[in-house]
Amino acid sequence: MSLTLNILRSYREPDRVVRGLAQGDLREPQVMFFALLACALIFVAQWPGLSRAATIDPSVTFEQRMGGAMFGIMFLLPLILYGCAALLKLGLRVAGHAVPGILTRLALFWSLLVVTPLMLFQGGVSAFLGSGPVSQGLGFVVLLVFLYILVKSVSAVRAVAQAPG
């Protein structure tokens, strides 16, 4: 199934989508692609807010803000994501669930990729309304959706890892 359709399906049944991805021909480049695509879309989601901030406070130009955001999101965030995936794997191991690293990375990176359309929407809202209660509330909703999909995804990869054969 296509990436876009899988993302849309993940809002209804994230465990089935992740189980299907995990049981397929899963390799590290595919999982890394999910992380890098999520980072790129998160970077794009920042553009409207950065433009608004540069208009309100011209002492820091839009290009300077974009450079900082690009460094943080495109270079540092993937490293942070891999560190979080290692912590997730360690937490699962401590809890008594032996899940391969590639499956924990899949669960985390896929969950992040699935919520990026919501992040794009939040970026547009924050550009129009600023960082007020509506934008912050929408950010909280994005966080809750991410956590929901992450929990379901981790459950799915645990089931795949425990399945015989």
Protein backbone atom coordinates (compact mmCIF):
# COMPACT_ATOMS: atom_id res chain seq x y z
CA MET A 1 0.00 0.00 0.00
CA SER A 2 1.21 3.55 -0.58
CA LEU A 3 2.83 5.64 2.10
CA THR A 4 0.04 8.22 2.11
CA LEU A 5 -2.70 5.61 2.47
CA ASN A 6 -0.79 3.92 5.28
CA ILE A 7 -0.48 7.24 7.09
CA LEU A 8 -4.22 7.84 6.77
CA ARG A 9 -5.00 4.28 7.90
CA SER A 10 -2.73 4.76 10.91
CA TYR A 11 -5.16 7.24 12.44
CA ARG A 12 -7.80 4.48 12.63
CA GLU A 13 -5.73 1.34 13.14
CA PRO A 14 -2.06 2.09 13.78
CA ASP A 15 -1.33 -1.36 15.15
CA ARG A 16 -2.44 -3.08 11.93
CA VAL A 17 -0.38 -0.76 9.74
CA VAL A 18 2.77 -1.14 11.84
CA ARG A 19 2.27 -4.91 12.04
CA GLY A 20 2.03 -5.01 8.25
CA LEU A 21 5.18 -2.93 7.87
CA ALA A 22 7.05 -5.06 10.42
CA GLN A 23 6.04 -8.35 8.83
CA GLY A 24 7.01 -7.19 5.36
CA ASP A 25 10.48 -6.89 3.90
CA LEU A 26 11.62 -4.32 6.48
CA ARG A 27 15.15 -2.98 6.20
CA GLU A 28 17.03 -0.17 7.94
CA PRO A 29 17.00 2.26 4.96
CA GLN A 30 13.19 2.17 4.93
CA VAL A 31 13.01 2.90 8.67
CA MET A 32 15.58 5.69 8.31
CA PHE A 33 13.55 7.12 5.43
CA PHE A 34 10.52 7.38 7.74
CA ALA A 35 12.61 9.35 10.26
CA LEU A 36 14.14 11.67 7.68
CA LEU A 37 10.82 12.30 5.93
CA ALA A 38 9.23 13.13 9.28
CA CYS A 39 12.08 15.55 10.04
CA ALA A 40 11.72 17.22 6.64
CA LEU A 41 7.97 17.69 7.12
CA ILE A 42 8.49 19.02 10.64
CA PHE A 43 10.98 21.50 9.18
CA VAL A 44 8.43 22.62 6.59
CA ALA A 45 5.83 22.98 9.35
CA GLN A 46 8.08 25.54 11.04
CA TRP A 47 8.25 27.90 8.06
CA PRO A 48 5.04 29.88 8.64
CA GLY A 49 5.84 30.46 12.30
CA LEU A 50 9.41 31.47 11.48
CA SER A 51 8.13 33.93 8.90
CA ARG A 52 5.72 35.46 11.39
CA ALA A 53 8.44 35.72 14.03
CA ALA A 54 10.83 37.38 11.55
CA THR A 55 8.12 39.90 10.62
CA ILE A 56 7.38 40.73 14.25
CA ASP A 57 11.05 40.91 15.29
CA PRO A 58 13.25 41.78 12.29
CA SER A 59 16.45 41.79 14.37
CA VAL A 60 16.80 38.10 13.45
CA THR A 61 16.12 37.56 9.76
CA PHE A 62 13.96 34.82 8.31
CA GLU A 63 17.03 33.21 6.73
CA GLN A 64 18.83 33.10 10.07
CA ARG A 65 15.80 31.52 11.70
CA MET A 66 15.53 29.00 8.86
CA GLY A 67 19.21 28.09 9.21
CA GLY A 68 18.82 27.45 12.92
CA ALA A 69 15.67 25.42 12.40
CA MET A 70 17.29 23.41 9.63
CA PHE A 71 20.30 22.58 11.77
CA GLY A 72 18.16 21.58 14.73
CA ILE A 73 15.53 19.61 12.85
CA MET A 74 17.41 18.08 9.93
CA PHE A 75 20.72 17.33 11.66
CA LEU A 76 20.15 17.03 15.40
CA LEU A 77 16.62 15.62 15.53
CA PRO A 78 17.49 12.37 13.67
CA LEU A 79 20.28 11.73 16.19
CA ILE A 80 17.90 12.45 19.05
CA LEU A 81 15.32 10.11 17.52
CA TYR A 82 17.84 7.27 17.32
CA GLY A 83 18.73 7.91 20.97
CA CYS A 84 15.04 7.84 21.94
CA ALA A 85 14.59 4.59 20.02
CA ALA A 86 17.52 3.09 21.95
CA LEU A 87 15.91 4.20 25.23
CA LEU A 88 12.59 2.71 24.10
CA LYS A 89 14.32 -0.59 23.30
CA LEU A 90 16.03 -0.54 26.69
CA GLY A 91 12.74 0.20 28.44
CA LEU A 92 11.05 -2.68 26.65
CA ARG A 93 13.92 -4.99 27.58
CA VAL A 94 13.69 -3.95 31.25
CA ALA A 95 9.94 -4.62 31.10
CA GLY A 96 10.70 -8.14 29.87
CA HIS A 97 9.96 -7.69 26.17
CA ALA A 98 12.78 -8.56 23.80
CA VAL A 99 12.02 -6.44 20.72
CA PRO A 100 14.66 -6.05 17.98
CA GLY A 101 16.06 -2.56 17.53
CA ILE A 102 14.74 -2.17 14.00
CA LEU A 103 11.19 -2.78 15.24
CA THR A 104 11.47 -0.22 18.04
CA ARG A 105 12.82 2.29 15.56
CA LEU A 106 9.95 1.48 13.22
CA ALA A 107 7.39 2.08 15.97
CA LEU A 108 8.89 5.43 16.98
CA PHE A 109 9.70 6.79 13.53
CA TRP A 110 6.40 5.70 12.01
CA SER A 111 4.47 7.30 14.87
CA LEU A 112 6.29 10.57 14.28
CA LEU A 113 5.71 10.42 10.54
CA VAL A 114 1.99 9.80 11.04
CA VAL A 115 1.50 12.97 13.10
CA THR A 116 3.42 15.26 10.72
CA PRO A 117 0.25 16.25 8.79
CA LEU A 118 -1.16 17.49 12.10
CA MET A 119 2.10 19.36 12.73
CA LEU A 120 1.80 21.02 9.32
CA PHE A 121 -1.73 22.12 10.23
CA GLN A 122 -0.53 23.41 13.60
CA GLY A 123 2.27 25.34 11.88
CA GLY A 124 -0.25 27.12 9.68
CA VAL A 125 -2.51 27.89 12.62
CA SER A 126 0.36 29.28 14.68
CA ALA A 127 1.40 31.49 11.76
CA PHE A 128 -2.04 33.08 11.62
CA LEU A 129 -2.88 33.21 15.32
CA GLY A 130 0.54 33.31 16.96
CA SER A 131 1.54 31.12 19.86
CA GLY A 132 -1.65 31.58 21.83
CA PRO A 133 -3.96 29.12 23.55
CA VAL A 134 -5.39 27.76 20.27
CA SER A 135 -1.96 26.91 18.89
CA GLN A 136 -0.82 25.45 22.20
CA GLY A 137 -4.02 23.41 22.50
CA LEU A 138 -3.49 22.08 19.01
CA GLY A 139 0.08 21.18 19.95
CA PHE A 140 -1.26 19.26 22.92
CA VAL A 141 -3.66 17.38 20.64
CA VAL A 142 -0.74 16.51 18.33
CA LEU A 143 1.19 15.19 21.33
CA LEU A 144 -1.74 13.05 22.47
CA VAL A 145 -2.22 11.59 18.98
CA PHE A 146 1.51 10.85 18.78
CA LEU A 147 1.48 9.06 22.13
CA TYR A 148 -1.63 7.06 21.18
CA ILE A 149 -0.08 5.92 17.91
CA LEU A 150 3.25 5.19 19.61
CA VAL A 151 1.63 2.99 22.26
CA LYS A 152 -0.34 1.09 19.61
CA SER A 153 2.78 0.76 17.42
CA VAL A 154 4.92 -0.55 20.27
CA SER A 155 2.19 -3.05 21.09
CA ALA A 156 2.18 -4.20 17.47
CA VAL A 157 5.97 -4.64 17.24
CA ARG A 158 5.96 -6.52 20.56
CA ALA A 159 3.41 -8.92 19.08
CA VAL A 160 5.50 -9.36 15.92
CA ALA A 161 8.65 -9.97 17.96
CA GLN A 162 6.93 -12.57 20.14
CA ALA A 163 5.27 -14.38 17.22
CA PRO A 164 6.84 -17.76 16.51
CA GLY A 165 8.87 -18.08 13.33
